[in-house]
Amino acid sequence: MKTIGLLGGMSWESTRSYYSAINEGIKKQKGGLHSAKISLFSVDFAEIESLQHQGNWQQTAVILSEAAKSVEAAGAHFLLICTNTMHKVAPDIEKHINIPILHIADATAERLQQDGISKVGLLGTAFTMEQDFYKGRLQDKFHIEVITPNQVQRQQVHNIIYNELCLGNIKEESRKTYLNIVDDLALNGAQAVILGCTEIALLINQKHTKTPLYDTTQIHAQAAVDKALK
């Protein structure tokens, strides 16, 4: 079994989901008392969040690159960045380590392709929904058309992530807001919706809607399990 490297803490709420999902996956496939071999570095999200909203992505890359080097030094065979948004600086992190990054957008896109999804809605932080590092990768590398909510809805999604979900606050009103946005994306032709922020699955999941949802945390974690056992 390979050692899985996790770069977490963004937020720790979703990193906890990663840890649980990966160990459940190993247990399911290997049985008995087996659990995952994991090297985890968890950053202080307050520092990262401040730099994100300042637009200082270069400094976030410095912090995460140093953390990634620690994960590698602890014996990881490959790395997961346990957040969608910070894949914006994945190319910078790659330059500082000698182990591969298991990219969350690639894992998600491969699952979408397996299911025959060619047009998908994307929910996430404003950075993920509006910038090209994520949806551009889906479109250019995997030829999946990506649509996003309108500007007002994007701000609602973003604010709920940072002001509620990252703090572990789950509100029924916010769930209804998200589900209305999912419905709008489906009406605009989305065959499915990517939960493109690792906290969103804390709020909505498949039991809440008929529109297929793709939980990037679970997909990424399962890809890590498969790679570790391959």
C-alpha atoms as a PDB file:
ATOM      1  CA  MET A   1       0.000   0.000   0.000  1.00  0.00           C
ATOM      2  CA  LYS A   2       1.332   3.424  -0.968  1.00  0.00           C
ATOM      3  CA  THR A   3       1.330   6.321   1.499  1.00  0.00           C
ATOM      4  CA  ILE A   4      -1.210   9.023   0.613  1.00  0.00           C
ATOM      5  CA  GLY A   5      -0.093  12.612   1.117  1.00  0.00           C
ATOM      6  CA  LEU A   6      -2.752  15.096   2.199  1.00  0.00           C
ATOM      7  CA  LEU A   7      -2.353  18.861   2.139  1.00  0.00           C
ATOM      8  CA  GLY A   8      -5.283  19.863   4.329  1.00  0.00           C
ATOM      9  CA  GLY A   9      -6.788  22.417   6.658  1.00  0.00           C
ATOM     10  CA  MET A  10      -8.601  24.332   3.883  1.00  0.00           C
ATOM     11  CA  SER A  11     -10.882  23.990   5.771  1.00  0.00           C
ATOM     12  CA  TRP A  12     -10.312  21.350   8.441  1.00  0.00           C
ATOM     13  CA  GLU A  13     -14.033  20.567   8.187  1.00  0.00           C
ATOM     14  CA  SER A  14     -13.542  19.102   4.720  1.00  0.00           C
ATOM     15  CA  THR A  15     -10.151  17.570   5.559  1.00  0.00           C
ATOM     16  CA  ARG A  16     -11.931  15.508   8.200  1.00  0.00           C
ATOM     17  CA  SER A  17     -14.207  14.228   5.410  1.00  0.00           C
ATOM     18  CA  TYR A  18     -11.137  13.268   3.356  1.00  0.00           C
ATOM     19  CA  TYR A  19      -9.583  11.353   6.241  1.00  0.00           C
ATOM     20  CA  SER A  20     -12.790   9.451   6.903  1.00  0.00           C
ATOM     21  CA  ALA A  21     -13.548   8.704   3.239  1.00  0.00           C
ATOM     22  CA  ILE A  22     -10.035   7.445   2.493  1.00  0.00           C
ATOM     23  CA  ASN A  23      -9.949   5.135   5.497  1.00  0.00           C
ATOM     24  CA  GLU A  24     -13.453   3.849   4.741  1.00  0.00           C
ATOM     25  CA  GLY A  25     -12.306   3.150   1.189  1.00  0.00           C
ATOM     26  CA  ILE A  26      -9.264   1.181   2.335  1.00  0.00           C
ATOM     27  CA  LYS A  27     -11.372  -0.745   4.842  1.00  0.00           C
ATOM     28  CA  LYS A  28     -13.919  -1.616   2.161  1.00  0.00           C
ATOM     29  CA  GLN A  29     -11.309  -2.904  -0.270  1.00  0.00           C
ATOM     30  CA  LYS A  30      -8.898  -4.637   2.124  1.00  0.00           C
ATOM     31  CA  GLY A  31     -11.135  -5.516   5.070  1.00  0.00           C
ATOM     32  CA  GLY A  32     -10.111  -6.479   8.568  1.00  0.00           C
ATOM     33  CA  LEU A  33      -8.190  -3.896  10.556  1.00  0.00           C
ATOM     34  CA  HIS A  34      -6.650  -2.266   7.492  1.00  0.00           C
ATOM     35  CA  SER A  35      -6.487   1.533   7.381  1.00  0.00           C
ATOM     36  CA  ALA A  36      -4.802   4.027   5.079  1.00  0.00           C
ATOM     37  CA  LYS A  37      -1.185   5.057   5.289  1.00  0.00           C
ATOM     38  CA  ILE A  38      -1.444   8.850   5.359  1.00  0.00           C
ATOM     39  CA  SER A  39       0.988  11.744   5.646  1.00  0.00           C
ATOM     40  CA  LEU A  40      -1.005  14.893   6.502  1.00  0.00           C
ATOM     41  CA  PHE A  41       0.036  18.534   6.808  1.00  0.00           C
ATOM     42  CA  SER A  42      -2.798  20.830   7.896  1.00  0.00           C
ATOM     43  CA  VAL A  43      -2.331  24.576   7.389  1.00  0.00           C
ATOM     44  CA  ASP A  44      -3.945  27.509   9.199  1.00  0.00           C
ATOM     45  CA  PHE A  45      -6.842  28.357   6.914  1.00  0.00           C
ATOM     46  CA  ALA A  46      -7.280  31.892   8.274  1.00  0.00           C
ATOM     47  CA  GLU A  47      -3.910  32.792   6.762  1.00  0.00           C
ATOM     48  CA  ILE A  48      -4.744  31.200   3.413  1.00  0.00           C
ATOM     49  CA  GLU A  49      -8.238  32.739   3.254  1.00  0.00           C
ATOM     50  CA  SER A  50      -6.864  36.232   3.903  1.00  0.00           C
ATOM     51  CA  LEU A  51      -4.323  35.872   1.097  1.00  0.00           C
ATOM     52  CA  GLN A  52      -6.996  34.508  -1.266  1.00  0.00           C
ATOM     53  CA  HIS A  53      -9.200  37.554  -0.847  1.00  0.00           C
ATOM     54  CA  GLN A  54      -6.201  39.872  -1.159  1.00  0.00           C
ATOM     55  CA  GLY A  55      -5.417  38.208  -4.471  1.00  0.00           C
ATOM     56  CA  ASN A  56      -1.967  37.231  -3.171  1.00  0.00           C
ATOM     57  CA  TRP A  57      -1.880  33.780  -4.738  1.00  0.00           C
ATOM     58  CA  GLN A  58       1.911  33.829  -4.948  1.00  0.00           C
ATOM     59  CA  GLN A  59       2.219  33.784  -1.175  1.00  0.00           C
ATOM     60  CA  THR A  60      -0.346  31.000  -0.853  1.00  0.00           C
ATOM     61  CA  ALA A  61       1.796  29.005  -3.275  1.00  0.00           C
ATOM     62  CA  VAL A  62       4.851  29.572  -1.084  1.00  0.00           C
ATOM     63  CA  ILE A  63       3.036  28.373   2.036  1.00  0.00           C
ATOM     64  CA  LEU A  64       1.522  25.328   0.381  1.00  0.00           C
ATOM     65  CA  SER A  65       4.741  24.389  -1.389  1.00  0.00           C
ATOM     66  CA  GLU A  66       6.586  24.294   1.932  1.00  0.00           C
ATOM     67  CA  ALA A  67       3.779  22.204   3.416  1.00  0.00           C
ATOM     68  CA  ALA A  68       3.871  19.848   0.429  1.00  0.00           C
ATOM     69  CA  LYS A  69       7.601  19.338   0.882  1.00  0.00           C
ATOM     70  CA  SER A  70       6.917  18.286   4.471  1.00  0.00           C
ATOM     71  CA  VAL A  71       4.304  15.789   3.281  1.00  0.00           C
ATOM     72  CA  GLU A  72       6.793  14.331   0.813  1.00  0.00           C
ATOM     73  CA  ALA A  73       9.525  14.170   3.457  1.00  0.00           C
ATOM     74  CA  ALA A  74       7.153  12.189   5.673  1.00  0.00           C
ATOM     75  CA  GLY A  75       7.025   9.427   3.068  1.00  0.00           C
ATOM     76  CA  ALA A  76       4.052  10.212   0.827  1.00  0.00           C
ATOM     77  CA  HIS A  77       4.107   8.605  -2.618  1.00  0.00           C
ATOM     78  CA  PHE A  78       1.677  11.141  -4.102  1.00  0.00           C
ATOM     79  CA  LEU A  79      -0.164  14.278  -2.976  1.00  0.00           C
ATOM     80  CA  LEU A  80      -3.772  15.381  -2.698  1.00  0.00           C
ATOM     81  CA  ILE A  81      -4.515  19.077  -2.235  1.00  0.00           C
ATOM     82  CA  CYS A  82      -7.669  18.766  -0.117  1.00  0.00           C
ATOM     83  CA  THR A  83      -9.471  21.745  -1.618  1.00  0.00           C
ATOM     84  CA  ASN A  84     -10.704  22.662  -5.092  1.00  0.00           C
ATOM     85  CA  THR A  85      -9.782  26.357  -4.970  1.00  0.00           C
ATOM     86  CA  MET A  86      -6.118  25.920  -4.108  1.00  0.00           C
ATOM     87  CA  HIS A  87      -5.563  23.801  -7.200  1.00  0.00           C
ATOM     88  CA  LYS A  88      -5.089  27.245  -8.717  1.00  0.00           C
ATOM     89  CA  VAL A  89      -1.503  27.040  -7.441  1.00  0.00           C
ATOM     90  CA  ALA A  90      -1.013  23.309  -8.116  1.00  0.00           C
ATOM     91  CA  PRO A  91       1.479  24.027 -10.938  1.00  0.00           C
ATOM     92  CA  ASP A  92       3.600  26.081  -8.502  1.00  0.00           C
ATOM     93  CA  ILE A  93       3.497  23.337  -5.873  1.00  0.00           C
ATOM     94  CA  GLU A  94       4.501  20.718  -8.446  1.00  0.00           C
ATOM     95  CA  LYS A  95       7.751  22.588  -9.063  1.00  0.00           C
ATOM     96  CA  HIS A  96       8.840  22.088  -5.455  1.00  0.00           C
ATOM     97  CA  ILE A  97       8.154  18.382  -4.956  1.00  0.00           C
ATOM     98  CA  ASN A  98       9.197  15.135  -6.590  1.00  0.00           C
ATOM     99  CA  ILE A  99       5.945  13.244  -6.111  1.00  0.00           C
ATOM    100  CA  PRO A 100       2.898  13.572  -8.381  1.00  0.00           C
ATOM    101  CA  ILE A 101      -0.221  15.546  -7.512  1.00  0.00           C
ATOM    102  CA  LEU A 102      -3.502  13.679  -7.918  1.00  0.00           C
ATOM    103  CA  HIS A 103      -5.537  16.553  -9.367  1.00  0.00           C
ATOM    104  CA  ILE A 104      -9.105  16.905  -8.096  1.00  0.00           C
ATOM    105  CA  ALA A 105     -10.452  18.216 -11.415  1.00  0.00           C
ATOM    106  CA  ASP A 106      -8.944  15.274 -13.314  1.00  0.00           C
ATOM    107  CA  ALA A 107     -10.452  12.724 -10.935  1.00  0.00           C
ATOM    108  CA  THR A 108     -13.840  14.427 -11.224  1.00  0.00           C
ATOM    109  CA  ALA A 109     -13.684  14.745 -15.017  1.00  0.00           C
ATOM    110  CA  GLU A 110     -12.798  11.080 -15.428  1.00  0.00           C
ATOM    111  CA  ARG A 111     -15.864  10.124 -13.388  1.00  0.00           C
ATOM    112  CA  LEU A 112     -18.047  12.455 -15.472  1.00  0.00           C
ATOM    113  CA  GLN A 113     -16.748  10.924 -18.687  1.00  0.00           C
ATOM    114  CA  GLN A 114     -17.413   7.408 -17.391  1.00  0.00           C
ATOM    115  CA  ASP A 115     -21.021   8.461 -16.792  1.00  0.00           C
ATOM    116  CA  GLY A 116     -21.416  10.105 -20.198  1.00  0.00           C
ATOM    117  CA  ILE A 117     -21.748  13.656 -18.851  1.00  0.00           C
ATOM    118  CA  SER A 118     -20.755  16.275 -21.439  1.00  0.00           C
ATOM    119  CA  LYS A 119     -22.319  19.423 -19.922  1.00  0.00           C
ATOM    120  CA  VAL A 120     -22.036  20.105 -16.226  1.00  0.00           C
ATOM    121  CA  GLY A 121     -22.853  22.853 -13.725  1.00  0.00           C
ATOM    122  CA  LEU A 122     -20.148  23.992 -11.327  1.00  0.00           C
ATOM    123  CA  LEU A 123     -20.589  25.211  -7.757  1.00  0.00           C
ATOM    124  CA  GLY A 124     -17.625  26.399  -5.702  1.00  0.00           C
ATOM    125  CA  THR A 125     -15.915  29.485  -4.410  1.00  0.00           C
ATOM    126  CA  ALA A 126     -16.068  32.554  -6.642  1.00  0.00           C
ATOM    127  CA  PHE A 127     -12.426  31.868  -7.512  1.00  0.00           C
ATOM    128  CA  THR A 128     -13.263  28.378  -8.760  1.00  0.00           C
ATOM    129  CA  MET A 129     -16.438  29.375 -10.610  1.00  0.00           C
ATOM    130  CA  GLU A 130     -15.075  32.535 -12.239  1.00  0.00           C
ATOM    131  CA  GLN A 131     -11.417  31.822 -12.973  1.00  0.00           C
ATOM    132  CA  ASP A 132     -10.135  29.439 -15.619  1.00  0.00           C
ATOM    133  CA  PHE A 133      -7.777  27.146 -13.662  1.00  0.00           C
ATOM    134  CA  TYR A 134     -10.560  24.644 -12.895  1.00  0.00           C
ATOM    135  CA  LYS A 135     -13.333  24.898 -15.473  1.00  0.00           C
ATOM    136  CA  GLY A 136     -10.771  25.546 -18.195  1.00  0.00           C
ATOM    137  CA  ARG A 137      -9.076  22.268 -17.333  1.00  0.00           C
ATOM    138  CA  LEU A 138     -12.383  20.413 -17.616  1.00  0.00           C
ATOM    139  CA  GLN A 139     -13.119  22.030 -20.965  1.00  0.00           C
ATOM    140  CA  ASP A 140      -9.670  21.914 -22.571  1.00  0.00           C
ATOM    141  CA  LYS A 141      -8.370  18.583 -21.282  1.00  0.00           C
ATOM    142  CA  PHE A 142     -11.607  16.592 -21.084  1.00  0.00           C
ATOM    143  CA  HIS A 143     -13.935  18.453 -23.499  1.00  0.00           C
ATOM    144  CA  ILE A 144     -16.664  18.853 -20.857  1.00  0.00           C
ATOM    145  CA  GLU A 145     -18.778  22.003 -21.192  1.00  0.00           C
ATOM    146  CA  VAL A 146     -19.018  23.872 -17.888  1.00  0.00           C
ATOM    147  CA  ILE A 147     -21.718  26.349 -16.896  1.00  0.00           C
ATOM    148  CA  THR A 148     -21.874  28.398 -13.682  1.00  0.00           C
ATOM    149  CA  PRO A 149     -24.616  30.274 -11.801  1.00  0.00           C
ATOM    150  CA  ASN A 150     -25.310  33.947 -12.478  1.00  0.00           C
ATOM    151  CA  GLN A 151     -23.341  36.634 -10.655  1.00  0.00           C
ATOM    152  CA  VAL A 152     -25.769  37.071  -7.749  1.00  0.00           C
ATOM    153  CA  GLN A 153     -25.970  33.312  -7.242  1.00  0.00           C
ATOM    154  CA  ARG A 154     -22.189  32.939  -7.424  1.00  0.00           C
ATOM    155  CA  GLN A 155     -21.826  35.442  -4.600  1.00  0.00           C
ATOM    156  CA  GLN A 156     -24.428  33.591  -2.546  1.00  0.00           C
ATOM    157  CA  VAL A 157     -22.604  30.287  -3.032  1.00  0.00           C
ATOM    158  CA  HIS A 158     -19.257  31.900  -2.150  1.00  0.00           C
ATOM    159  CA  ASN A 159     -20.524  33.637   0.988  1.00  0.00           C
ATOM    160  CA  ILE A 160     -22.197  30.514   2.339  1.00  0.00           C
ATOM    161  CA  ILE A 161     -18.973  28.550   1.902  1.00  0.00           C
ATOM    162  CA  TYR A 162     -16.778  30.997   3.803  1.00  0.00           C
ATOM    163  CA  ASN A 163     -19.237  32.356   6.363  1.00  0.00           C
ATOM    164  CA  GLU A 164     -21.017  29.108   7.207  1.00  0.00           C
ATOM    165  CA  LEU A 165     -19.681  25.819   5.835  1.00  0.00           C
ATOM    166  CA  CYS A 166     -16.005  26.434   6.629  1.00  0.00           C
ATOM    167  CA  LEU A 167     -17.143  27.106  10.195  1.00  0.00           C
ATOM    168  CA  GLY A 168     -19.245  23.959  10.329  1.00  0.00           C
ATOM    169  CA  ASN A 169     -22.531  25.877  10.327  1.00  0.00           C
ATOM    170  CA  ILE A 170     -25.268  24.068   8.409  1.00  0.00           C
ATOM    171  CA  LYS A 171     -28.416  26.110   7.762  1.00  0.00           C
ATOM    172  CA  GLU A 172     -31.634  24.928   6.143  1.00  0.00           C
ATOM    173  CA  GLU A 173     -32.126  28.316   4.484  1.00  0.00           C
ATOM    174  CA  SER A 174     -28.733  28.013   2.801  1.00  0.00           C
ATOM    175  CA  ARG A 175     -29.544  24.480   1.678  1.00  0.00           C
ATOM    176  CA  LYS A 176     -32.666  25.780  -0.053  1.00  0.00           C
ATOM    177  CA  THR A 177     -30.599  28.520  -1.722  1.00  0.00           C
ATOM    178  CA  TYR A 178     -28.137  25.977  -3.076  1.00  0.00           C
ATOM    179  CA  LEU A 179     -30.869  23.631  -4.277  1.00  0.00           C
ATOM    180  CA  ASN A 180     -32.601  26.463  -6.137  1.00  0.00           C
ATOM    181  CA  ILE A 181     -29.310  27.214  -7.865  1.00  0.00           C
ATOM    182  CA  VAL A 182     -28.868  23.524  -8.747  1.00  0.00           C
ATOM    183  CA  ASP A 183     -32.362  23.577 -10.282  1.00  0.00           C
ATOM    184  CA  ASP A 184     -31.468  26.654 -12.358  1.00  0.00           C
ATOM    185  CA  LEU A 185     -28.305  24.993 -13.647  1.00  0.00           C
ATOM    186  CA  ALA A 186     -30.330  21.946 -14.670  1.00  0.00           C
ATOM    187  CA  LEU A 187     -32.854  24.167 -16.463  1.00  0.00           C
ATOM    188  CA  ASN A 188     -29.911  25.699 -18.355  1.00  0.00           C
ATOM    189  CA  GLY A 189     -28.872  22.304 -19.653  1.00  0.00           C
ATOM    190  CA  ALA A 190     -26.561  20.903 -17.013  1.00  0.00           C
ATOM    191  CA  GLN A 191     -26.788  17.109 -16.979  1.00  0.00           C
ATOM    192  CA  ALA A 192     -25.201  17.097 -13.521  1.00  0.00           C
ATOM    193  CA  VAL A 193     -23.661  19.501 -11.007  1.00  0.00           C
ATOM    194  CA  ILE A 194     -20.149  19.388  -9.568  1.00  0.00           C
ATOM    195  CA  LEU A 195     -19.915  20.196  -5.870  1.00  0.00           C
ATOM    196  CA  GLY A 196     -16.653  21.975  -6.634  1.00  0.00           C
ATOM    197  CA  CYS A 197     -15.804  23.027  -3.118  1.00  0.00           C
ATOM    198  CA  THR A 198     -14.933  20.352  -0.612  1.00  0.00           C
ATOM    199  CA  GLU A 199     -17.306  21.809   2.007  1.00  0.00           C
ATOM    200  CA  ILE A 200     -20.473  21.862  -0.129  1.00  0.00           C
ATOM    201  CA  ALA A 201     -21.275  18.203   0.528  1.00  0.00           C
ATOM    202  CA  LEU A 202     -21.684  19.143   4.181  1.00  0.00           C
ATOM    203  CA  LEU A 203     -24.801  21.054   3.050  1.00  0.00           C
ATOM    204  CA  ILE A 204     -26.341  19.212   0.107  1.00  0.00           C
ATOM    205  CA  ASN A 205     -26.139  15.677  -1.203  1.00  0.00           C
ATOM    206  CA  GLN A 206     -27.956  13.408  -3.615  1.00  0.00           C
ATOM    207  CA  LYS A 207     -30.963  12.806  -1.377  1.00  0.00           C
ATOM    208  CA  HIS A 208     -31.867  16.503  -1.706  1.00  0.00           C
ATOM    209  CA  THR A 209     -32.245  16.661  -5.508  1.00  0.00           C
ATOM    210  CA  LYS A 210     -32.959  14.605  -8.622  1.00  0.00           C
ATOM    211  CA  THR A 211     -30.117  16.364 -10.468  1.00  0.00           C
ATOM    212  CA  PRO A 212     -26.997  14.150 -10.321  1.00  0.00           C
ATOM    213  CA  LEU A 213     -24.407  15.634  -7.940  1.00  0.00           C
ATOM    214  CA  TYR A 214     -20.684  14.922  -8.118  1.00  0.00           C
ATOM    215  CA  ASP A 215     -19.054  15.291  -4.700  1.00  0.00           C
ATOM    216  CA  THR A 216     -15.424  16.157  -5.416  1.00  0.00           C
ATOM    217  CA  THR A 217     -14.282  15.216  -1.902  1.00  0.00           C
ATOM    218  CA  GLN A 218     -15.596  11.660  -2.242  1.00  0.00           C
ATOM    219  CA  ILE A 219     -14.376  11.315  -5.821  1.00  0.00           C
ATOM    220  CA  HIS A 220     -10.897  12.603  -4.955  1.00  0.00           C
ATOM    221  CA  ALA A 221     -10.688  10.372  -1.882  1.00  0.00           C
ATOM    222  CA  GLN A 222     -11.713   7.287  -3.872  1.00  0.00           C
ATOM    223  CA  ALA A 223      -9.125   8.092  -6.544  1.00  0.00           C
ATOM    224  CA  ALA A 224      -6.518   8.240  -3.773  1.00  0.00           C
ATOM    225  CA  VAL A 225      -7.592   4.845  -2.444  1.00  0.00           C
ATOM    226  CA  ASP A 226      -7.393   3.318  -5.913  1.00  0.00           C
ATOM    227  CA  LYS A 227      -3.943   4.788  -6.514  1.00  0.00           C
ATOM    228  CA  ALA A 228      -2.654   3.699  -3.118  1.00  0.00           C
ATOM    229  CA  LEU A 229      -3.743   0.095  -3.711  1.00  0.00           C
ATOM    230  CA  LYS A 230      -2.857  -0.105  -7.400  1.00  0.00           C
END
